[in-house]
Amino acid sequence: MDFKKNLLFFAFVFPITFLIGLVVSFIVSLQFQEDVQINWVIVLAVATLLALLITWRNNRDAKRHKGEL
């Protein structure tokens, strides 16, 4: 059951982090290139890493909170 909750939370957070990845890719392309190009590898990498990190932190905090009760 815990895996399903984590997977659902990841699915909820991923679109938000995908937008953050788009912004990061946009900023990187503006800094290092003359024109704006979206690098989809960077977008997916940033989105996946952020979503995994947020899901892991949420799971860790939930376990800590459950242990206190």
N, C-alpha and C. Protein backbone atom coordinates (compact mmCIF):
# COMPACT_ATOMS: atom_id res chain seq x y z
N MET A 1 0.82 -1.19 0.00
CA MET A 1 0.00 0.00 0.00
C MET A 1 0.86 1.25 0.00
N ASP A 2 1.97 1.22 0.68
CA ASP A 2 2.85 2.37 0.74
C ASP A 2 3.42 2.70 -0.64
N PHE A 3 3.69 1.66 -1.43
CA PHE A 3 4.21 1.87 -2.78
C PHE A 3 3.18 2.59 -3.65
N LYS A 4 1.91 2.24 -3.50
CA LYS A 4 0.86 2.89 -4.29
C LYS A 4 0.74 4.37 -3.93
N LYS A 5 0.85 4.68 -2.64
CA LYS A 5 0.80 6.07 -2.21
C LYS A 5 1.98 6.86 -2.77
N ASN A 6 3.16 6.26 -2.73
CA ASN A 6 4.34 6.93 -3.27
C ASN A 6 4.23 7.13 -4.77
N LEU A 7 3.71 6.13 -5.47
CA LEU A 7 3.55 6.23 -6.92
C LEU A 7 2.52 7.30 -7.29
N LEU A 8 1.44 7.37 -6.54
CA LEU A 8 0.42 8.39 -6.78
C LEU A 8 0.98 9.78 -6.49
N PHE A 9 1.73 9.91 -5.42
CA PHE A 9 2.35 11.20 -5.10
C PHE A 9 3.34 11.60 -6.19
N PHE A 10 4.14 10.64 -6.68
CA PHE A 10 5.08 10.91 -7.77
C PHE A 10 4.34 11.37 -9.02
N ALA A 11 3.22 10.71 -9.33
CA ALA A 11 2.43 11.09 -10.50
C ALA A 11 1.83 12.48 -10.35
N PHE A 12 1.52 12.88 -9.14
CA PHE A 12 1.00 14.22 -8.90
C PHE A 12 2.10 15.28 -9.01
N VAL A 13 3.28 14.97 -8.51
CA VAL A 13 4.39 15.94 -8.47
C VAL A 13 5.08 16.07 -9.82
N PHE A 14 5.09 15.02 -10.62
CA PHE A 14 5.86 15.02 -11.86
C PHE A 14 5.47 16.14 -12.83
N PRO A 15 4.18 16.42 -13.07
CA PRO A 15 3.86 17.53 -13.99
C PRO A 15 4.37 18.89 -13.50
N ILE A 16 4.35 19.09 -12.20
CA ILE A 16 4.86 20.34 -11.64
C ILE A 16 6.36 20.44 -11.86
N THR A 17 7.07 19.35 -11.60
CA THR A 17 8.51 19.37 -11.80
C THR A 17 8.87 19.41 -13.28
N PHE A 18 7.98 18.89 -14.13
CA PHE A 18 8.20 18.99 -15.57
C PHE A 18 8.20 20.45 -16.01
N LEU A 19 7.29 21.23 -15.47
CA LEU A 19 7.28 22.67 -15.78
C LEU A 19 8.54 23.36 -15.26
N ILE A 20 9.01 22.96 -14.10
CA ILE A 20 10.26 23.51 -13.57
C ILE A 20 11.41 23.14 -14.49
N GLY A 21 11.43 21.90 -14.99
CA GLY A 21 12.45 21.47 -15.93
C GLY A 21 12.42 22.27 -17.22
N LEU A 22 11.23 22.61 -17.71
CA LEU A 22 11.11 23.46 -18.90
C LEU A 22 11.73 24.83 -18.66
N VAL A 23 11.46 25.39 -17.50
CA VAL A 23 12.02 26.70 -17.17
C VAL A 23 13.54 26.62 -17.08
N VAL A 24 14.05 25.58 -16.45
CA VAL A 24 15.51 25.41 -16.33
C VAL A 24 16.14 25.26 -17.71
N SER A 25 15.55 24.47 -18.57
CA SER A 25 16.08 24.30 -19.92
C SER A 25 16.03 25.61 -20.70
N PHE A 26 14.96 26.35 -20.54
CA PHE A 26 14.82 27.64 -21.20
C PHE A 26 15.91 28.61 -20.73
N ILE A 27 16.15 28.67 -19.42
CA ILE A 27 17.17 29.57 -18.88
C ILE A 27 18.57 29.15 -19.34
N VAL A 28 18.85 27.85 -19.34
CA VAL A 28 20.15 27.36 -19.79
C VAL A 28 20.36 27.71 -21.26
N SER A 29 19.34 27.55 -22.08
CA SER A 29 19.49 27.87 -23.50
C SER A 29 19.69 29.37 -23.72
N LEU A 30 19.07 30.19 -22.91
CA LEU A 30 19.27 31.63 -23.04
C LEU A 30 20.68 32.05 -22.60
N GLN A 31 21.24 31.35 -21.63
CA GLN A 31 22.56 31.70 -21.13
C GLN A 31 23.67 31.27 -22.07
N PHE A 32 23.53 30.11 -22.70
CA PHE A 32 24.64 29.53 -23.45
C PHE A 32 24.46 29.49 -24.96
N GLN A 33 23.29 29.89 -25.48
CA GLN A 33 23.04 29.85 -26.91
C GLN A 33 22.41 31.17 -27.34
N GLU A 34 22.49 31.44 -28.62
CA GLU A 34 21.90 32.68 -29.13
C GLU A 34 20.38 32.59 -29.27
N ASP A 35 19.87 31.43 -29.57
CA ASP A 35 18.44 31.27 -29.71
C ASP A 35 17.90 30.33 -28.63
N VAL A 36 16.59 30.32 -28.50
CA VAL A 36 15.95 29.51 -27.48
C VAL A 36 15.66 28.12 -28.04
N GLN A 37 16.21 27.13 -27.41
CA GLN A 37 15.95 25.74 -27.76
C GLN A 37 15.70 24.96 -26.48
N ILE A 38 14.70 24.13 -26.51
CA ILE A 38 14.39 23.30 -25.34
C ILE A 38 15.10 21.97 -25.51
N ASN A 39 15.92 21.63 -24.56
CA ASN A 39 16.60 20.35 -24.56
C ASN A 39 15.76 19.38 -23.72
N TRP A 40 15.09 18.46 -24.39
CA TRP A 40 14.14 17.59 -23.70
C TRP A 40 14.82 16.61 -22.75
N VAL A 41 16.08 16.31 -22.99
CA VAL A 41 16.81 15.43 -22.07
C VAL A 41 16.99 16.14 -20.73
N ILE A 42 17.34 17.41 -20.77
CA ILE A 42 17.49 18.19 -19.54
C ILE A 42 16.15 18.31 -18.83
N VAL A 43 15.10 18.56 -19.58
CA VAL A 43 13.77 18.72 -18.99
C VAL A 43 13.36 17.44 -18.26
N LEU A 44 13.48 16.31 -18.93
CA LEU A 44 13.08 15.04 -18.30
C LEU A 44 13.99 14.67 -17.14
N ALA A 45 15.28 14.94 -17.26
CA ALA A 45 16.20 14.62 -16.17
C ALA A 45 15.89 15.46 -14.93
N VAL A 46 15.71 16.75 -15.11
CA VAL A 46 15.41 17.63 -13.98
C VAL A 46 14.06 17.25 -13.36
N ALA A 47 13.07 17.00 -14.19
CA ALA A 47 11.75 16.65 -13.69
C ALA A 47 11.78 15.33 -12.90
N THR A 48 12.45 14.35 -13.45
CA THR A 48 12.52 13.05 -12.77
C THR A 48 13.28 13.14 -11.45
N LEU A 49 14.43 13.81 -11.47
CA LEU A 49 15.22 13.93 -10.25
C LEU A 49 14.48 14.72 -9.17
N LEU A 50 13.86 15.82 -9.54
CA LEU A 50 13.11 16.60 -8.56
C LEU A 50 11.91 15.82 -8.01
N ALA A 51 11.19 15.14 -8.89
CA ALA A 51 10.03 14.36 -8.43
C ALA A 51 10.45 13.22 -7.51
N LEU A 52 11.54 12.55 -7.84
CA LEU A 52 12.04 11.48 -6.97
C LEU A 52 12.50 12.04 -5.63
N LEU A 53 13.18 13.17 -5.64
CA LEU A 53 13.65 13.78 -4.40
C LEU A 53 12.48 14.22 -3.53
N ILE A 54 11.49 14.84 -4.11
CA ILE A 54 10.32 15.28 -3.35
C ILE A 54 9.54 14.09 -2.81
N THR A 55 9.38 13.04 -3.62
CA THR A 55 8.68 11.85 -3.16
C THR A 55 9.44 11.16 -2.03
N TRP A 56 10.75 11.08 -2.15
CA TRP A 56 11.57 10.47 -1.10
C TRP A 56 11.46 11.25 0.20
N ARG A 57 11.53 12.60 0.10
CA ARG A 57 11.42 13.43 1.30
C ARG A 57 10.04 13.28 1.94
N ASN A 58 9.00 13.25 1.13
CA ASN A 58 7.66 13.08 1.65
C ASN A 58 7.50 11.73 2.35
N ASN A 59 8.04 10.68 1.75
CA ASN A 59 7.97 9.34 2.34
C ASN A 59 8.74 9.30 3.67
N ARG A 60 9.91 9.91 3.69
CA ARG A 60 10.72 9.92 4.90
C ARG A 60 10.02 10.69 6.02
N ASP A 61 9.44 11.84 5.68
CA ASP A 61 8.73 12.63 6.68
C ASP A 61 7.48 11.92 7.18
N ALA A 62 6.78 11.21 6.28
CA ALA A 62 5.59 10.46 6.69
C ALA A 62 5.96 9.33 7.64
N LYS A 63 7.06 8.64 7.37
CA LYS A 63 7.49 7.57 8.27
C LYS A 63 7.91 8.13 9.62
N ARG A 64 8.58 9.27 9.61
CA ARG A 64 9.00 9.88 10.86
C ARG A 64 7.78 10.32 11.67
N HIS A 65 6.81 10.91 10.99
CA HIS A 65 5.60 11.36 11.66
C HIS A 65 4.80 10.17 12.20
N LYS A 66 4.75 9.09 11.44
CA LYS A 66 4.03 7.89 11.87
C LYS A 66 4.70 7.28 13.11
N GLY A 67 6.03 7.36 13.17
CA GLY A 67 6.74 6.81 14.31
C GLY A 67 6.53 7.64 15.57
N GLU A 68 6.26 8.94 15.44
CA GLU A 68 6.03 9.79 16.58
C GLU A 68 4.66 9.56 17.20
N LEU A 69 3.69 9.15 16.38
CA LEU A 69 2.33 8.97 16.89
C LEU A 69 2.17 7.72 17.65
